[in-house]
Amino acid sequence: MGQNSDNGLELKIMSELNNEYAECMMAQSKRTEDILSKQIKKLSTDNSVLLKELDVMHSAMSDLHKRYDRARGIINQMKKREDTLEEEIRQCQEELRNSEENCRYISKTCDDKLEEANTRIDMIKQETEKGTIMMEASIKRLELECKSWHSKFLDKESSEKELIAICDSLMGVKEQEMDEEQ
């Protein structure tokens, strides 16, 4: 019976050890389960936070991409506008060059015409001065002729008066002779 009791005791100890081991394993399992549950909750929370952060980052990236596209569009429009403005500037510069050439041509033409007009004015002035001198000479000559004619006229008038006086005296003499003869 000794062996049976040893076996019973051994079985009892083994059973107790087994129970303790099972309790220990259950406690360890419970602790592990609690730790894992906490870690799972934490990971789930972290995952939710990370998903939210990822959504925020995705939204921010989407906004950034939209802004980038808008900025790129604006830059392209500005480049097109710059090209257009550069072309307009080139056209304006070309028109300015053409206008300057036209102004130089017109200025030269005006200077030539002015010089030609001044030359003609000088010629006309000289001709006018010659004509004036000739007219003054003609006027002097006509005045002298007029004085000559006037003096001739006065001479003829006085000769005529003398002739009239002679005729009158002859007629007076003839009348006296006729009166005497009668």
Protein backbone atom coordinates (compact mmCIF):
# COMPACT_ATOMS: atom_id res chain seq x y z
CA MET A 1 0.00 0.00 0.00
CA GLY A 2 2.93 2.07 0.39
CA GLN A 3 3.37 2.20 -3.19
CA ASN A 4 -0.17 3.00 -3.79
CA SER A 5 -0.07 5.75 -1.33
CA ASP A 6 3.09 7.00 -2.88
CA ASN A 7 1.42 6.80 -6.18
CA GLY A 8 -1.68 8.52 -4.86
CA LEU A 9 0.44 11.19 -3.33
CA GLU A 10 2.37 11.51 -6.45
CA LEU A 11 -0.83 11.66 -8.37
CA LYS A 12 -2.19 14.18 -5.99
CA ILE A 13 0.97 16.26 -6.21
CA MET A 14 0.94 15.82 -9.92
CA SER A 15 -2.66 16.74 -10.03
CA GLU A 16 -2.03 19.78 -7.87
CA LEU A 17 1.02 20.65 -9.90
CA ASN A 18 -1.04 20.12 -12.96
CA ASN A 19 -3.79 22.32 -11.55
CA GLU A 20 -1.28 24.93 -10.53
CA TYR A 21 0.37 24.65 -13.89
CA ALA A 22 -3.04 25.00 -15.58
CA GLU A 23 -3.93 27.94 -13.35
CA CYS A 24 -0.56 29.44 -14.03
CA MET A 25 -1.01 28.84 -17.74
CA MET A 26 -4.50 30.25 -17.59
CA ALA A 27 -3.29 33.27 -15.67
CA GLN A 28 -0.39 33.60 -18.10
CA SER A 29 -2.81 33.11 -20.97
CA LYS A 30 -5.18 35.69 -19.43
CA ARG A 31 -2.33 38.14 -18.94
CA THR A 32 -1.07 37.46 -22.45
CA GLU A 33 -4.61 37.81 -23.72
CA ASP A 34 -5.04 41.10 -21.79
CA ILE A 35 -1.69 42.35 -23.06
CA LEU A 36 -2.52 41.24 -26.59
CA SER A 37 -6.01 42.72 -26.26
CA LYS A 38 -4.49 46.01 -25.07
CA GLN A 39 -1.93 45.86 -27.86
CA ILE A 40 -4.65 45.05 -30.39
CA LYS A 41 -6.74 47.98 -29.05
CA LYS A 42 -3.66 50.18 -29.15
CA LEU A 43 -2.78 48.97 -32.63
CA SER A 44 -6.41 49.43 -33.67
CA THR A 45 -6.39 52.95 -32.21
CA ASP A 46 -3.00 53.61 -33.79
CA ASN A 47 -4.31 52.16 -37.03
CA SER A 48 -7.38 54.45 -36.85
CA VAL A 49 -5.17 57.44 -36.07
CA LEU A 50 -2.79 56.45 -38.85
CA LEU A 51 -5.70 55.95 -41.26
CA LYS A 52 -7.06 59.38 -40.31
CA GLU A 53 -3.61 60.89 -40.71
CA LEU A 54 -3.25 59.05 -44.00
CA ASP A 55 -6.64 60.46 -45.11
CA VAL A 56 -5.53 63.94 -44.04
CA MET A 57 -2.22 63.45 -45.86
CA HIS A 58 -4.07 62.10 -48.90
CA SER A 59 -6.41 65.11 -48.82
CA ALA A 60 -3.45 67.46 -48.37
CA MET A 61 -1.62 65.78 -51.24
CA SER A 62 -4.76 66.01 -53.37
CA ASP A 63 -5.07 69.74 -52.52
CA LEU A 64 -1.36 70.19 -53.17
CA HIS A 65 -1.68 68.41 -56.51
CA LYS A 66 -4.69 70.59 -57.42
CA ARG A 67 -2.73 73.73 -56.44
CA TYR A 68 0.24 72.45 -58.41
CA ASP A 69 -1.99 71.90 -61.46
CA ARG A 70 -3.52 75.39 -61.04
CA ALA A 71 -0.07 76.95 -60.57
CA ARG A 72 1.21 75.08 -63.63
CA GLY A 73 -1.81 76.29 -65.60
CA ILE A 74 -1.27 79.87 -64.43
CA ILE A 75 2.45 79.63 -65.27
CA ASN A 76 1.59 78.28 -68.75
CA GLN A 77 -0.91 81.11 -69.25
CA MET A 78 1.69 83.62 -68.08
CA LYS A 79 4.25 82.12 -70.47
CA LYS A 80 1.75 82.36 -73.33
CA ARG A 81 0.92 85.94 -72.32
CA GLU A 82 4.64 86.71 -72.07
CA ASP A 83 5.18 85.27 -75.56
CA THR A 84 2.24 87.33 -76.84
CA LEU A 85 3.58 90.46 -75.15
CA GLU A 86 7.07 89.84 -76.53
CA GLU A 87 5.58 89.50 -80.02
CA GLU A 88 3.58 92.70 -79.51
CA ILE A 89 6.76 94.44 -78.28
CA ARG A 90 8.63 93.25 -81.38
CA GLN A 91 5.79 94.54 -83.58
CA CYS A 92 5.76 97.88 -81.73
CA GLN A 93 9.53 98.16 -82.09
CA GLU A 94 9.24 97.41 -85.80
CA GLU A 95 6.47 99.99 -86.16
CA LEU A 96 8.60 102.47 -84.20
CA ARG A 97 11.56 101.82 -86.51
CA ASN A 98 9.31 102.29 -89.54
CA SER A 99 7.85 105.47 -88.03
CA GLU A 100 11.33 106.80 -87.28
CA GLU A 101 12.40 106.06 -90.87
CA ASN A 102 9.25 107.79 -92.15
CA CYS A 103 9.93 110.76 -89.87
CA ARG A 104 13.53 110.96 -91.10
CA TYR A 105 12.33 110.74 -94.71
CA ILE A 106 9.63 113.37 -94.12
CA SER A 107 12.12 115.58 -92.27
CA LYS A 108 14.64 115.27 -95.09
CA THR A 109 11.93 115.93 -97.68
CA CYS A 110 10.73 118.95 -95.69
CA ASP A 111 14.29 120.24 -95.34
CA ASP A 112 14.85 119.81 -99.09
CA LYS A 113 11.53 121.52 -99.90
CA LEU A 114 12.31 124.31 -97.42
CA GLU A 115 15.75 124.81 -98.95
CA GLU A 116 14.21 124.82 -102.43
CA ALA A 117 11.52 127.27 -101.28
CA ASN A 118 14.14 129.54 -99.68
CA THR A 119 16.16 129.44 -102.92
CA ARG A 120 13.03 130.34 -104.91
CA ILE A 121 12.19 133.08 -102.41
CA ASP A 122 15.71 134.49 -102.80
CA MET A 123 15.38 134.35 -106.59
CA ILE A 124 11.95 135.99 -106.49
CA LYS A 125 13.28 138.57 -104.05
CA GLN A 126 16.16 139.36 -106.41
CA GLU A 127 13.80 139.51 -109.40
CA THR A 128 11.42 141.70 -107.41
CA GLU A 129 14.27 143.99 -106.40
CA LYS A 130 15.40 144.16 -110.06
CA GLY A 131 11.80 144.82 -111.13
CA THR A 132 11.46 147.51 -108.43
CA ILE A 133 14.70 149.17 -109.53
CA MET A 134 13.58 148.97 -113.15
CA MET A 135 10.15 150.37 -112.27
CA GLU A 136 11.72 153.16 -110.24
CA ALA A 137 13.99 153.90 -113.20
CA SER A 138 10.99 153.84 -115.54
CA ILE A 139 9.08 156.11 -113.14
CA LYS A 140 12.04 158.54 -113.06
CA ARG A 141 12.29 158.42 -116.87
CA LEU A 142 8.52 158.96 -117.18
CA GLU A 143 8.69 161.80 -114.66
CA LEU A 144 11.50 163.38 -116.68
CA GLU A 145 9.55 162.86 -119.90
CA CYS A 146 6.49 164.27 -118.22
CA LYS A 147 8.44 167.34 -117.09
CA SER A 148 9.86 167.65 -120.60
CA TRP A 149 6.40 167.38 -122.10
CA HIS A 150 5.08 169.77 -119.50
CA SER A 151 7.77 172.32 -120.31
CA LYS A 152 7.12 171.78 -124.04
CA PHE A 153 3.44 172.21 -123.37
CA LEU A 154 4.12 175.36 -121.40
CA ASP A 155 6.41 176.53 -124.20
CA LYS A 156 3.70 175.74 -126.77
CA GLU A 157 1.10 177.41 -124.59
CA SER A 158 3.22 180.54 -124.30
CA SER A 159 3.95 180.35 -128.06
CA GLU A 160 0.27 179.91 -128.65
CA LYS A 161 -0.51 182.89 -126.43
CA GLU A 162 2.05 184.89 -128.34
CA LEU A 163 0.52 183.76 -131.63
CA ILE A 164 -2.95 184.58 -130.32
CA ALA A 165 -1.69 187.97 -129.19
CA ILE A 166 -0.05 188.48 -132.61
CA CYS A 167 -3.21 187.31 -134.37
CA ASP A 168 -5.31 189.56 -132.14
CA SER A 169 -3.06 192.51 -132.83
CA LEU A 170 -3.08 191.73 -136.57
CA MET A 171 -6.82 191.48 -136.54
CA GLY A 172 -7.02 194.65 -134.58
CA VAL A 173 -4.75 196.30 -137.17
CA LYS A 174 -6.78 194.82 -140.00
CA GLU A 175 -10.02 196.05 -138.45
CA GLN A 176 -8.57 199.47 -138.09
CA GLU A 177 -7.51 199.41 -141.68
CA MET A 178 -10.90 198.31 -142.70
CA ASP A 179 -12.47 200.94 -140.56
CA GLU A 180 -10.19 203.47 -142.09
CA GLU A 181 -11.03 202.38 -145.54
CA GLN A 182 -14.61 202.72 -145.03
